[in-house]
C-alpha atoms as a PDB file:
ATOM      1  CA  MET A   1      10.061  37.396 -43.306  1.00  0.00           C
ATOM      2  CA  ASP A   2      10.987  34.667 -40.874  1.00  0.00           C
ATOM      3  CA  PRO A   3       8.626  31.679 -40.460  1.00  0.00           C
ATOM      4  CA  ASP A   4       7.403  32.738 -36.995  1.00  0.00           C
ATOM      5  CA  ALA A   5       6.569  36.249 -38.199  1.00  0.00           C
ATOM      6  CA  ALA A   6       4.794  34.838 -41.256  1.00  0.00           C
ATOM      7  CA  ARG A   7       2.762  32.478 -39.064  1.00  0.00           C
ATOM      8  CA  HIS A   8       1.871  35.311 -36.697  1.00  0.00           C
ATOM      9  CA  ALA A   9       0.778  37.524 -39.618  1.00  0.00           C
ATOM     10  CA  ARG A  10      -1.326  34.699 -41.066  1.00  0.00           C
ATOM     11  CA  ASP A  11      -2.927  33.979 -37.666  1.00  0.00           C
ATOM     12  CA  SER A  12      -3.673  37.679 -37.192  1.00  0.00           C
ATOM     13  CA  LEU A  13      -5.280  37.909 -40.626  1.00  0.00           C
ATOM     14  CA  ASP A  14      -7.353  34.798 -39.867  1.00  0.00           C
ATOM     15  CA  LEU A  15      -8.586  36.427 -36.649  1.00  0.00           C
ATOM     16  CA  VAL A  16      -9.424  39.715 -38.399  1.00  0.00           C
ATOM     17  CA  PHE A  17     -11.208  37.817 -41.188  1.00  0.00           C
ATOM     18  CA  HIS A  18     -13.240  35.856 -38.623  1.00  0.00           C
ATOM     19  CA  MET A  19     -14.226  39.080 -36.841  1.00  0.00           C
ATOM     20  CA  SER A  20     -15.071  40.640 -40.213  1.00  0.00           C
ATOM     21  CA  ASN A  21     -17.397  37.728 -40.978  1.00  0.00           C
ATOM     22  CA  ILE A  22     -19.080  37.982 -37.567  1.00  0.00           C
ATOM     23  CA  LEU A  23     -19.670  41.690 -38.181  1.00  0.00           C
ATOM     24  CA  ASP A  24     -20.856  40.902 -41.717  1.00  0.00           C
ATOM     25  CA  THR A  25     -18.558  43.477 -43.329  1.00  0.00           C
ATOM     26  CA  GLY A  26     -18.373  41.652 -46.649  1.00  0.00           C
ATOM     27  CA  LEU A  27     -14.618  42.278 -46.849  1.00  0.00           C
ATOM     28  CA  ASP A  28     -12.482  39.462 -48.234  1.00  0.00           C
ATOM     29  CA  ARG A  29      -9.067  38.407 -46.940  1.00  0.00           C
ATOM     30  CA  HIS A  30      -7.175  40.302 -49.616  1.00  0.00           C
ATOM     31  CA  THR A  31      -9.005  43.557 -48.919  1.00  0.00           C
ATOM     32  CA  LEU A  32      -8.495  43.154 -45.182  1.00  0.00           C
ATOM     33  CA  SER A  33      -4.814  42.455 -45.761  1.00  0.00           C
ATOM     34  CA  VAL A  34      -4.445  45.640 -47.811  1.00  0.00           C
ATOM     35  CA  LEU A  35      -6.317  47.690 -45.206  1.00  0.00           C
ATOM     36  CA  ILE A  36      -4.139  46.307 -42.402  1.00  0.00           C
ATOM     37  CA  ALA A  37      -0.976  47.090 -44.384  1.00  0.00           C
ATOM     38  CA  LEU A  38      -2.169  50.647 -45.006  1.00  0.00           C
ATOM     39  CA  CYS A  39      -2.893  51.098 -41.284  1.00  0.00           C
ATOM     40  CA  GLU A  40       0.595  49.813 -40.475  1.00  0.00           C
ATOM     41  CA  MET A  41       1.987  52.399 -42.910  1.00  0.00           C
ATOM     42  CA  GLY A  42       0.270  55.126 -40.927  1.00  0.00           C
ATOM     43  CA  PHE A  43      -2.970  55.663 -42.820  1.00  0.00           C
ATOM     44  CA  SER A  44      -5.922  56.623 -40.671  1.00  0.00           C
ATOM     45  CA  PRO A  45      -8.341  53.707 -40.056  1.00  0.00           C
ATOM     46  CA  GLU A  46     -11.217  56.193 -40.088  1.00  0.00           C
ATOM     47  CA  ALA A  47     -10.143  57.531 -43.477  1.00  0.00           C
ATOM     48  CA  LEU A  48      -9.810  53.998 -44.866  1.00  0.00           C
ATOM     49  CA  ALA A  49     -13.277  53.124 -43.539  1.00  0.00           C
ATOM     50  CA  ALA A  50     -14.660  56.197 -45.304  1.00  0.00           C
ATOM     51  CA  VAL A  51     -13.009  55.096 -48.570  1.00  0.00           C
ATOM     52  CA  VAL A  52     -14.479  51.590 -48.256  1.00  0.00           C
ATOM     53  CA  LYS A  53     -17.943  53.038 -47.598  1.00  0.00           C
ATOM     54  CA  GLU A  54     -17.642  55.384 -50.572  1.00  0.00           C
ATOM     55  CA  LEU A  55     -16.506  52.586 -52.883  1.00  0.00           C
ATOM     56  CA  ARG A  56     -19.456  50.477 -51.769  1.00  0.00           C
ATOM     57  CA  ARG A  57     -21.827  53.340 -52.539  1.00  0.00           C
ATOM     58  CA  GLU A  58     -20.377  53.697 -56.033  1.00  0.00           C
ATOM     59  CA  THR A  59     -20.251  49.976 -56.850  1.00  0.00           C
ATOM     60  CA  PRO A  60     -24.020  49.298 -56.984  1.00  0.00           C
ATOM     61  CA  ALA A  61     -24.566  52.391 -59.139  1.00  0.00           C
ATOM     62  CA  SER A  62     -21.911  51.375 -61.643  1.00  0.00           C
ATOM     63  CA  SER A  63     -23.071  47.739 -61.761  1.00  0.00           C
ATOM     64  CA  SER A  64     -26.711  48.755 -62.327  1.00  0.00           C
ATOM     65  CA  ALA A  65     -25.588  51.152 -65.057  1.00  0.00           C
ATOM     66  CA  GLN A  66     -23.779  48.288 -66.752  1.00  0.00           C
ATOM     67  CA  GLU A  67     -26.876  46.105 -66.500  1.00  0.00           C
ATOM     68  CA  THR A  68     -29.100  48.729 -68.146  1.00  0.00           C
ATOM     69  CA  ALA A  69     -26.603  49.684 -70.856  1.00  0.00           C
ATOM     70  CA  PRO A  70     -27.470  48.236 -74.254  1.00  0.00           C
ATOM     71  CA  SER A  71     -25.162  45.484 -75.394  1.00  0.00           C
ATOM     72  CA  ALA A  72     -23.123  45.868 -78.552  1.00  0.00           C
ATOM     73  CA  PRO A  73     -24.344  43.861 -81.567  1.00  0.00           C
END
């Protein structure tokens, strides 16, 4: 990737990350970068949003299950 394209990509990611923070999405730069790349590959943004929502629903359940699980001696 040439330097101008790399700078443009970095600036675009910075803008998306800033918007993400304003909207309080909780998505980090890496996750946003992956989502952008998947959109550029042709994945549906709506489908990706549904996946993110589903993963968020599952995460609290799995973390609370880990907290209540007895620890090994």
